[in-house]
Structures are given as C-alpha cells and as structure tokens.
Amino acid sequence: MLSQFMPPRQVKIGDAAAFVGTTPRAIRHYHHIGLLPEPERGSDGRRRYGYDEVMRLLWIRTMADAGIALNDIRDAFADRAPAGADAGADAEADAGADAEADAGADADGDPDVTSVLERLERSLTAQQAELQRQLAAVQRMRDRGSRMGLLSDFVTTRLDHLPEGSLRHADLDKLLVMERIFGPLGAAVNASRYIAMATHPELRQEDDRIDAAEVALDDTVAVDDPRVAQVAAERHAFELALQAVTEQSGLAEADEALFDAWDALHPPADEHDDGRSPGTGTGAGTGTGTGQTSMSAVEAARKMPLDWSPARVRSAELAMELAMEVAADEPAALSPTTPSPATP
C-alpha cells in the first residue's frame, strides 16, 4: 500500500508542467531559449524530469510570475559558476561537508537562489535606470516640444531664454546634427549662431539670402563657375558679421562659460586632455545620455548625407579657406560658430 504513495523518481513533461503550473509548450520554449537544459530521455525517447529539473522549473515559474523577463532569468542562471569536472570523483569524500553546507543553507537561505536573485536585482536596477532615462527623454520632448526635446538638456538650456517660435525647425534640426557629430558641448557652442540670428533679424535675412544662393549652386553649375567663388565670399563675409555680433552681444563669453560648465560636469579622464575642443572628447554619441554608439566626429560627419552638388561643396570649401586665412592672421576670427562643410 505504501508504494502507491511513493513519488516517481522522474516524471514526463506533462506531469512536470502540471505540477509547476505551466504548459508543456512553455517548458519546450524554456529548452529552446537555453533557460532549462534538456533532461535525459527514457527508453521511449521522451523527456524525463527529475527533482532538480522540476525545482528549476519552479524557480523559473515563480520569477516569471513576478514579472522578470525570461532572458534575464536565463542570464542569471548562466552566470552561475559551473561545477568542477572532478566533482563526482570527490563526492563520497565531501559527503560530510555537503551535509554541513546544506544545514547552513537551510539556516541562512539557499546560496544558489540568493546569488541568482542578487544578479537579477542588479540587472533590474540597471533596466530601471535605463527606463528612467527614457522616461525623462520622453517628458523633455513633451514639455519642450518634439524638436527641442530631441536635444540634450545641455543644449536646450542655452536656448531657454529665447521667445517661443524664434527658432526655426531647420535650426533645431541642424543643432541635432551638430550634437550627433560634436556632442552636446559642440552643439551648445554652435547654438550661438542661431541665438544671434533669432535676436538680430537682419542677420537672419542675410543668412536666408545666402542660403538661397548656395542652393542655386546645383548640378547644372560647374565648380569653376564665378558664382561659386562669389557665394563663398558672401558666406565668409556673413560669418565675420555673425562673429562680430556674438562678441558684441556677450555670446562669445557665454560660449567660454559653456566649456567651464562642461568640464565641471565631465572631468577629463586624462589630465593632459582638457576636453575643450568640441570635436575632441565630446564626439558623436559621447556624453549625450542617449545611449547611442560612440564614434569620432570625422566618422559621424562622413555618415551624414547631404544633397549638395559639387559646386556647392566647392563653395563651402572656398569659404572655409577664406576663414582659415583670416584665422592665420587673427586666431579669434575663427569661431566655433563657423559652419563645417558637413553641416547643412
């Protein structure tokens, strides 16, 4: 009669699923994703589940019911240190020690379960931090407006004092590109040109005129056409006028303060790198808090497409050459606000 109440040493998948409170299909999925090792099979070719397998199923089921993702549970189990290859050979010699360890585990909690839960806690804490970052980004986009909210706080705080609507969508798009290429510091410094144009309508009008002239340098215009050099000269003259306004209005001093603020927020890892170059140490995806993959400014610029004709590219090159000539005579004349040929 007692044999009727003796539990089986192994059970089939249906019985294991029924005991745990799941389905055979779910257990097969656990096997497929590596969450539960394949058990031995009986003479009929069917899986057989012993005590250890069913206990692991109970752990999985309980953790999954708590809302923990299966991938996280799998990774936590995978991190557990595997048993040594010679563990079986020393089993009898270690029987007494195992008994004492089991007694200690009963008193203090299962060490395996504790370690798994500790790893899961760390994983979930990291995920919580990432979710908080994402939530903050969504809230910033909603509060500031979609385009403004796409920029990091370091950039948007530079623009907060401007009247609503004074910045164009194209301005914000260009700042987003600048932030991707040069990082938040480079974009915040470059924001000076848009602040100046937002507060000086005559500059905005002149910039629009030169923009239209640059767009007119389409594929029908040869690179040696006189209009190419003429537009380059006009762009250079505009940048000098813009530079004068930034200096007279105090924007240049605000730019310098940005470097100090950035240094305070991001102490350089190398004492020889003061991080003061917008393209060095603050490149694409670096320090933005966006989780984007880091790349150099040069690499990022090369990956940003621009529908520019050869004539327009040449005009931008000539404008840059003119700026470099002035910079050779007066270093302060070349400002971080000067556009790069890679900036739309």
Protein backbone atom coordinates (compact mmCIF):
# COMPACT_ATOMS: atom_id res chain seq x y z
CA MET A 1 0.00 0.00 0.00
CA LEU A 2 2.85 2.39 0.82
CA SER A 3 4.16 2.07 -2.75
CA GLN A 4 1.01 3.75 -4.02
CA PHE A 5 2.08 6.98 -2.32
CA MET A 6 5.75 6.87 -3.30
CA PRO A 7 6.55 9.72 -5.74
CA PRO A 8 8.16 8.78 -9.04
CA ARG A 9 11.87 9.37 -9.44
CA GLN A 10 11.21 11.04 -12.77
CA VAL A 11 8.13 12.42 -14.49
CA LYS A 12 7.14 13.18 -18.05
CA ILE A 13 6.82 16.72 -19.38
CA GLY A 14 3.06 16.83 -18.89
CA ASP A 15 3.30 15.93 -15.22
CA ALA A 16 6.15 18.39 -14.65
CA ALA A 17 4.12 21.15 -16.33
CA ALA A 18 1.02 20.33 -14.29
CA PHE A 19 2.96 20.39 -11.04
CA VAL A 20 4.67 23.69 -11.76
CA GLY A 21 1.56 25.33 -13.15
CA THR A 22 2.66 25.86 -16.72
CA THR A 23 2.30 24.05 -20.03
CA PRO A 24 4.45 21.52 -21.91
CA ARG A 25 4.73 24.08 -24.69
CA ALA A 26 6.20 26.62 -22.26
CA ILE A 27 8.73 24.08 -20.99
CA ARG A 28 9.79 23.27 -24.54
CA HIS A 29 10.27 27.02 -25.07
CA TYR A 30 12.49 27.12 -21.97
CA HIS A 31 14.61 24.40 -23.54
CA HIS A 32 14.71 26.23 -26.88
CA ILE A 33 15.99 29.52 -25.43
CA GLY A 34 18.51 27.81 -23.16
CA LEU A 35 16.70 28.63 -19.94
CA LEU A 36 16.28 24.97 -18.97
CA PRO A 37 18.81 22.31 -20.01
CA GLU A 38 17.49 19.33 -21.90
CA PRO A 39 16.89 16.42 -19.48
CA GLU A 40 17.70 12.79 -20.19
CA ARG A 41 15.20 10.80 -22.19
CA GLY A 42 13.65 7.48 -21.36
CA SER A 43 13.64 4.33 -23.47
CA ASP A 44 10.59 5.69 -25.27
CA GLY A 45 12.52 8.77 -26.35
CA ARG A 46 10.51 11.14 -24.18
CA ARG A 47 11.97 13.65 -21.78
CA ARG A 48 12.20 12.69 -18.13
CA TYR A 49 12.32 15.34 -15.41
CA GLY A 50 13.87 14.69 -12.01
CA TYR A 51 13.83 16.69 -8.80
CA ASP A 52 16.47 19.20 -9.88
CA GLU A 53 14.74 19.96 -13.18
CA VAL A 54 11.36 20.45 -11.54
CA MET A 55 12.89 22.70 -8.88
CA ARG A 56 14.44 24.84 -11.58
CA LEU A 57 11.07 24.98 -13.31
CA LEU A 58 9.54 26.21 -10.06
CA TRP A 59 12.18 28.92 -9.80
CA ILE A 60 11.55 29.97 -13.39
CA ARG A 61 7.80 29.96 -12.93
CA THR A 62 7.94 31.97 -9.71
CA MET A 63 10.34 34.56 -11.13
CA ALA A 64 8.33 34.86 -14.34
CA ASP A 65 5.15 35.39 -12.32
CA ALA A 66 6.97 38.24 -10.55
CA GLY A 67 7.38 39.94 -13.92
CA ILE A 68 11.03 39.07 -14.54
CA ALA A 69 11.81 38.58 -18.23
CA LEU A 70 12.82 35.08 -19.31
CA ASN A 71 16.02 36.40 -20.85
CA ASP A 72 17.01 37.94 -17.52
CA ILE A 73 16.28 34.69 -15.70
CA ARG A 74 18.33 32.78 -18.26
CA ASP A 75 21.27 35.16 -17.96
CA ALA A 76 21.18 34.93 -14.19
CA PHE A 77 21.31 31.15 -14.31
CA ALA A 78 24.04 31.25 -16.94
CA ASP A 79 26.22 33.38 -14.64
CA ARG A 80 26.28 30.68 -12.01
CA ALA A 81 29.72 29.07 -11.71
CA PRO A 82 29.72 25.56 -13.26
CA ALA A 83 30.69 22.61 -11.13
CA GLY A 84 34.24 21.29 -11.46
CA ALA A 85 34.93 18.37 -13.74
CA ASP A 86 36.21 16.25 -10.89
CA ALA A 87 33.27 16.93 -8.60
CA GLY A 88 31.88 13.41 -8.99
CA ALA A 89 35.18 11.77 -8.04
CA ASP A 90 35.22 13.54 -4.70
CA ALA A 91 31.52 13.13 -3.96
CA GLU A 92 31.92 10.50 -1.27
CA ALA A 93 34.81 12.27 0.42
CA ASP A 94 32.81 15.50 0.51
CA ALA A 95 29.55 13.94 1.68
CA GLY A 96 30.02 15.14 5.26
CA ALA A 97 30.97 18.62 4.22
CA ASP A 98 27.96 18.78 1.86
CA ALA A 99 25.67 17.83 4.70
CA GLU A 100 27.03 20.66 6.84
CA ALA A 101 26.72 23.07 3.92
CA ASP A 102 23.12 22.01 3.36
CA ALA A 103 22.38 22.62 7.03
CA GLY A 104 23.90 26.09 6.77
CA ALA A 105 21.92 26.81 3.63
CA ASP A 106 18.71 25.82 5.39
CA ALA A 107 19.51 28.30 8.15
CA ASP A 108 20.75 31.18 6.03
CA GLY A 109 18.91 30.65 2.74
CA ASP A 110 19.78 28.72 -0.41
CA PRO A 111 23.06 30.17 -1.71
CA ASP A 112 22.17 29.37 -5.31
CA VAL A 113 18.79 31.08 -5.14
CA THR A 114 20.31 34.04 -3.30
CA SER A 115 23.03 34.54 -5.90
CA VAL A 116 20.55 34.26 -8.75
CA LEU A 117 18.26 36.81 -7.13
CA GLU A 118 21.17 39.16 -6.45
CA ARG A 119 22.14 39.08 -10.12
CA LEU A 120 18.54 39.63 -11.14
CA GLU A 121 18.29 42.57 -8.76
CA ARG A 122 21.36 44.16 -10.31
CA SER A 123 20.00 43.56 -13.80
CA LEU A 124 16.60 45.01 -12.95
CA THR A 125 18.20 48.01 -11.25
CA ALA A 126 20.15 48.73 -14.43
CA GLN A 127 16.99 48.34 -16.50
CA GLN A 128 15.15 50.67 -14.14
CA ALA A 129 17.83 53.32 -14.61
CA GLU A 130 17.54 52.97 -18.39
CA LEU A 131 13.75 53.22 -18.23
CA GLN A 132 14.06 56.35 -16.09
CA ARG A 133 16.42 57.84 -18.68
CA GLN A 134 13.95 57.04 -21.44
CA LEU A 135 11.05 58.46 -19.44
CA ALA A 136 12.99 61.66 -18.78
CA ALA A 137 13.70 61.97 -22.51
CA VAL A 138 10.03 61.50 -23.41
CA GLN A 139 8.96 64.03 -20.78
CA ARG A 140 11.55 66.51 -22.06
CA MET A 141 10.28 66.09 -25.62
CA ARG A 142 6.71 66.62 -24.48
CA ASP A 143 7.49 69.62 -22.29
CA ARG A 144 9.84 71.40 -24.68
CA GLY A 145 8.24 70.33 -27.92
CA SER A 146 9.27 67.42 -30.08
CA ARG A 147 12.20 69.02 -31.92
CA MET A 148 13.58 70.97 -28.97
CA GLY A 149 13.18 67.93 -26.73
CA LEU A 150 15.34 65.83 -29.01
CA LEU A 151 18.32 67.92 -27.96
CA SER A 152 20.10 67.23 -24.69
CA ASP A 153 19.49 69.44 -21.66
CA PHE A 154 22.96 70.92 -22.01
CA VAL A 155 21.93 72.35 -25.38
CA THR A 156 18.32 73.28 -24.63
CA THR A 157 19.21 75.26 -21.51
CA ARG A 158 21.22 77.52 -23.81
CA LEU A 159 18.06 78.27 -25.76
CA ASP A 160 15.51 78.59 -22.94
CA HIS A 161 15.59 82.40 -22.83
CA LEU A 162 14.58 82.81 -26.48
CA PRO A 163 10.98 83.77 -27.27
CA GLU A 164 8.78 80.91 -28.38
CA GLY A 165 8.89 80.47 -32.14
CA SER A 166 12.09 82.45 -32.61
CA LEU A 167 13.94 79.30 -33.64
CA ARG A 168 13.01 77.57 -36.85
CA HIS A 169 12.56 73.84 -37.19
CA ALA A 170 15.56 73.84 -39.51
CA ASP A 171 17.66 75.49 -36.79
CA LEU A 172 16.79 72.74 -34.30
CA ASP A 173 17.41 70.05 -36.90
CA LYS A 174 20.87 71.45 -37.59
CA LEU A 175 21.64 71.56 -33.87
CA LEU A 176 20.59 67.94 -33.60
CA VAL A 177 23.06 67.07 -36.36
CA MET A 178 25.75 69.11 -34.62
CA GLU A 179 25.09 67.30 -31.34
CA ARG A 180 25.38 63.95 -33.06
CA ILE A 181 28.69 64.91 -34.66
CA PHE A 182 30.34 67.06 -31.99
CA GLY A 183 28.41 66.13 -28.86
CA PRO A 184 26.38 68.40 -26.54
CA LEU A 185 29.23 70.85 -25.96
CA GLY A 186 29.81 71.41 -29.67
CA ALA A 187 26.08 71.85 -30.29
CA ALA A 188 25.69 74.24 -27.35
CA VAL A 189 28.53 76.40 -28.67
CA ASN A 190 27.12 76.26 -32.20
CA ALA A 191 23.76 77.41 -30.80
CA SER A 192 25.24 80.92 -30.56
CA ARG A 193 24.74 81.44 -34.29
CA TYR A 194 21.02 80.66 -34.03
CA ILE A 195 20.64 82.81 -30.90
CA ALA A 196 22.28 85.68 -32.75
CA MET A 197 20.04 85.27 -35.78
CA ALA A 198 16.93 84.89 -33.60
CA THR A 199 17.70 88.20 -31.90
CA HIS A 200 19.02 90.06 -34.96
CA PRO A 201 16.50 89.87 -37.83
CA GLU A 202 18.92 91.47 -40.30
CA LEU A 203 21.33 88.58 -39.80
CA ARG A 204 18.56 86.06 -40.35
CA GLN A 205 17.53 87.83 -43.56
CA GLU A 206 21.10 87.83 -44.88
CA ASP A 207 21.58 84.17 -43.96
CA ASP A 208 18.40 83.28 -45.84
CA ARG A 209 19.64 85.16 -48.90
CA ILE A 210 22.99 83.35 -48.90
CA ASP A 211 21.30 80.01 -48.23
CA ALA A 212 19.20 80.53 -51.36
CA ALA A 213 22.31 81.38 -53.34
CA GLU A 214 24.02 78.21 -52.12
CA VAL A 215 21.01 76.10 -53.04
CA ALA A 216 21.13 77.67 -56.52
CA LEU A 217 24.60 76.14 -56.96
CA ASP A 218 23.02 72.94 -58.22
CA ASP A 219 24.34 70.23 -60.52
CA THR A 220 23.99 72.50 -63.54
CA VAL A 221 26.69 74.84 -62.17
CA ALA A 222 30.33 73.98 -62.83
CA VAL A 223 32.80 74.05 -59.95
CA ASP A 224 34.82 76.78 -61.67
CA ASP A 225 31.77 78.96 -62.30
CA PRO A 226 32.39 82.51 -60.96
CA ARG A 227 29.23 82.24 -58.86
CA VAL A 228 30.90 79.56 -56.75
CA ALA A 229 33.62 81.91 -55.52
CA GLN A 230 31.17 84.79 -55.22
CA VAL A 231 28.82 82.85 -52.92
CA ALA A 232 31.81 81.64 -50.90
CA ALA A 233 32.90 85.23 -50.36
CA GLU A 234 29.38 86.22 -49.30
CA ARG A 235 29.21 83.34 -46.86
CA HIS A 236 32.58 84.31 -45.41
CA ALA A 237 31.51 87.92 -45.02
CA PHE A 238 28.34 86.81 -43.27
CA GLU A 239 30.29 84.63 -40.83
CA LEU A 240 32.51 87.58 -39.95
CA ALA A 241 29.44 89.74 -39.32
CA LEU A 242 27.93 86.97 -37.23
CA GLN A 243 31.16 86.68 -35.26
CA ALA A 244 31.12 90.40 -34.54
CA VAL A 245 27.58 90.18 -33.22
CA THR A 246 28.38 87.23 -30.95
CA GLU A 247 31.31 89.16 -29.48
CA GLN A 248 29.40 92.43 -29.03
CA SER A 249 26.33 90.75 -27.50
CA GLY A 250 28.29 88.70 -24.98
CA LEU A 251 27.56 85.37 -26.65
CA ALA A 252 31.27 84.67 -27.03
CA GLU A 253 31.73 85.00 -23.27
CA ALA A 254 28.77 82.68 -22.75
CA ASP A 255 30.49 80.17 -25.03
CA GLU A 256 33.57 80.25 -22.84
CA ALA A 257 31.41 79.65 -19.78
CA LEU A 258 30.00 76.58 -21.52
CA PHE A 259 33.44 74.99 -21.59
CA ASP A 260 33.81 75.52 -17.86
CA ALA A 261 30.35 74.09 -17.20
CA TRP A 262 31.11 71.07 -19.36
CA ASP A 263 34.42 70.49 -17.59
CA ALA A 264 32.63 70.60 -14.24
CA LEU A 265 30.08 68.03 -15.40
CA HIS A 266 32.60 65.80 -17.20
CA PRO A 267 36.07 65.81 -15.60
CA PRO A 268 38.60 64.67 -18.23
CA ALA A 269 39.87 61.12 -17.77
CA ASP A 270 43.31 62.19 -18.94
CA GLU A 271 44.90 65.13 -17.16
CA HIS A 272 46.51 66.12 -20.48
CA ASP A 273 43.11 66.33 -22.20
CA ASP A 274 41.23 69.42 -21.10
CA GLY A 275 38.21 68.46 -23.23
CA ARG A 276 37.91 72.00 -24.55
CA SER A 277 37.69 71.12 -28.22
CA PRO A 278 34.10 70.48 -29.33
CA GLY A 279 35.35 67.75 -31.62
CA THR A 280 37.62 66.07 -29.09
CA GLY A 281 36.36 64.08 -26.17
CA THR A 282 32.77 65.13 -26.91
CA GLY A 283 32.23 63.40 -30.21
CA ALA A 284 29.16 61.71 -31.58
CA GLY A 285 27.19 59.80 -29.02
CA THR A 286 29.61 60.70 -26.23
CA GLY A 287 28.18 62.05 -23.02
CA THR A 288 24.75 62.67 -24.55
CA GLY A 289 22.94 60.26 -22.31
CA THR A 290 21.13 58.87 -25.36
CA GLY A 291 22.70 55.52 -25.37
CA GLN A 292 23.91 55.95 -28.91
CA THR A 293 27.05 54.24 -30.11
CA SER A 294 30.13 56.46 -29.88
CA MET A 295 32.08 57.38 -33.00
CA SER A 296 34.58 60.03 -33.93
CA ALA A 297 33.41 63.39 -35.24
CA VAL A 298 35.05 62.69 -38.61
CA GLU A 299 33.35 59.32 -38.91
CA ALA A 300 29.98 60.78 -37.94
CA ALA A 301 30.31 63.63 -40.44
CA ARG A 302 31.09 61.14 -43.21
CA LYS A 303 27.95 59.18 -42.42
CA MET A 304 25.63 62.21 -42.57
CA PRO A 305 24.24 62.53 -46.11
CA LEU A 306 23.95 65.95 -47.73
CA ASP A 307 22.36 66.52 -51.12
CA TRP A 308 24.99 69.03 -52.21
CA SER A 309 26.24 69.47 -55.74
CA PRO A 310 29.98 69.56 -56.44
CA ALA A 311 29.68 73.33 -56.97
CA ARG A 312 28.10 73.85 -53.56
CA VAL A 313 30.72 71.66 -51.89
CA ARG A 314 33.45 73.67 -53.60
CA SER A 315 31.86 76.94 -52.46
CA ALA A 316 31.84 75.69 -48.85
CA GLU A 317 35.49 74.71 -49.20
CA LEU A 318 36.40 78.16 -50.51
CA ALA A 319 34.53 79.81 -47.63
CA MET A 320 36.46 77.65 -45.19
CA GLU A 321 39.74 78.55 -46.86
CA LEU A 322 38.93 82.23 -46.50
CA ALA A 323 38.16 81.69 -42.81
CA MET A 324 41.45 79.86 -42.33
CA GLU A 325 43.36 82.72 -43.97
CA VAL A 326 41.79 85.20 -41.56
CA ALA A 327 42.44 82.84 -38.65
CA ALA A 328 46.12 82.73 -39.52
CA ASP A 329 46.26 86.49 -39.00
CA GLU A 330 43.74 86.72 -36.16
CA PRO A 331 43.07 83.40 -34.33
CA ALA A 332 39.96 84.76 -32.65
CA ALA A 333 38.32 85.27 -36.03
CA LEU A 334 37.67 81.54 -36.42
CA SER A 335 34.82 80.82 -34.07
CA PRO A 336 33.18 77.52 -33.10
CA THR A 337 30.07 79.02 -34.73
CA THR A 338 31.72 78.82 -38.16
CA PRO A 339 29.83 76.10 -40.08
CA SER A 340 31.61 73.00 -41.28
CA PRO A 341 31.15 71.79 -44.86
CA ALA A 342 29.49 68.75 -43.28
CA THR A 343 26.83 70.91 -41.56
CA PRO A 344 23.67 71.50 -43.57
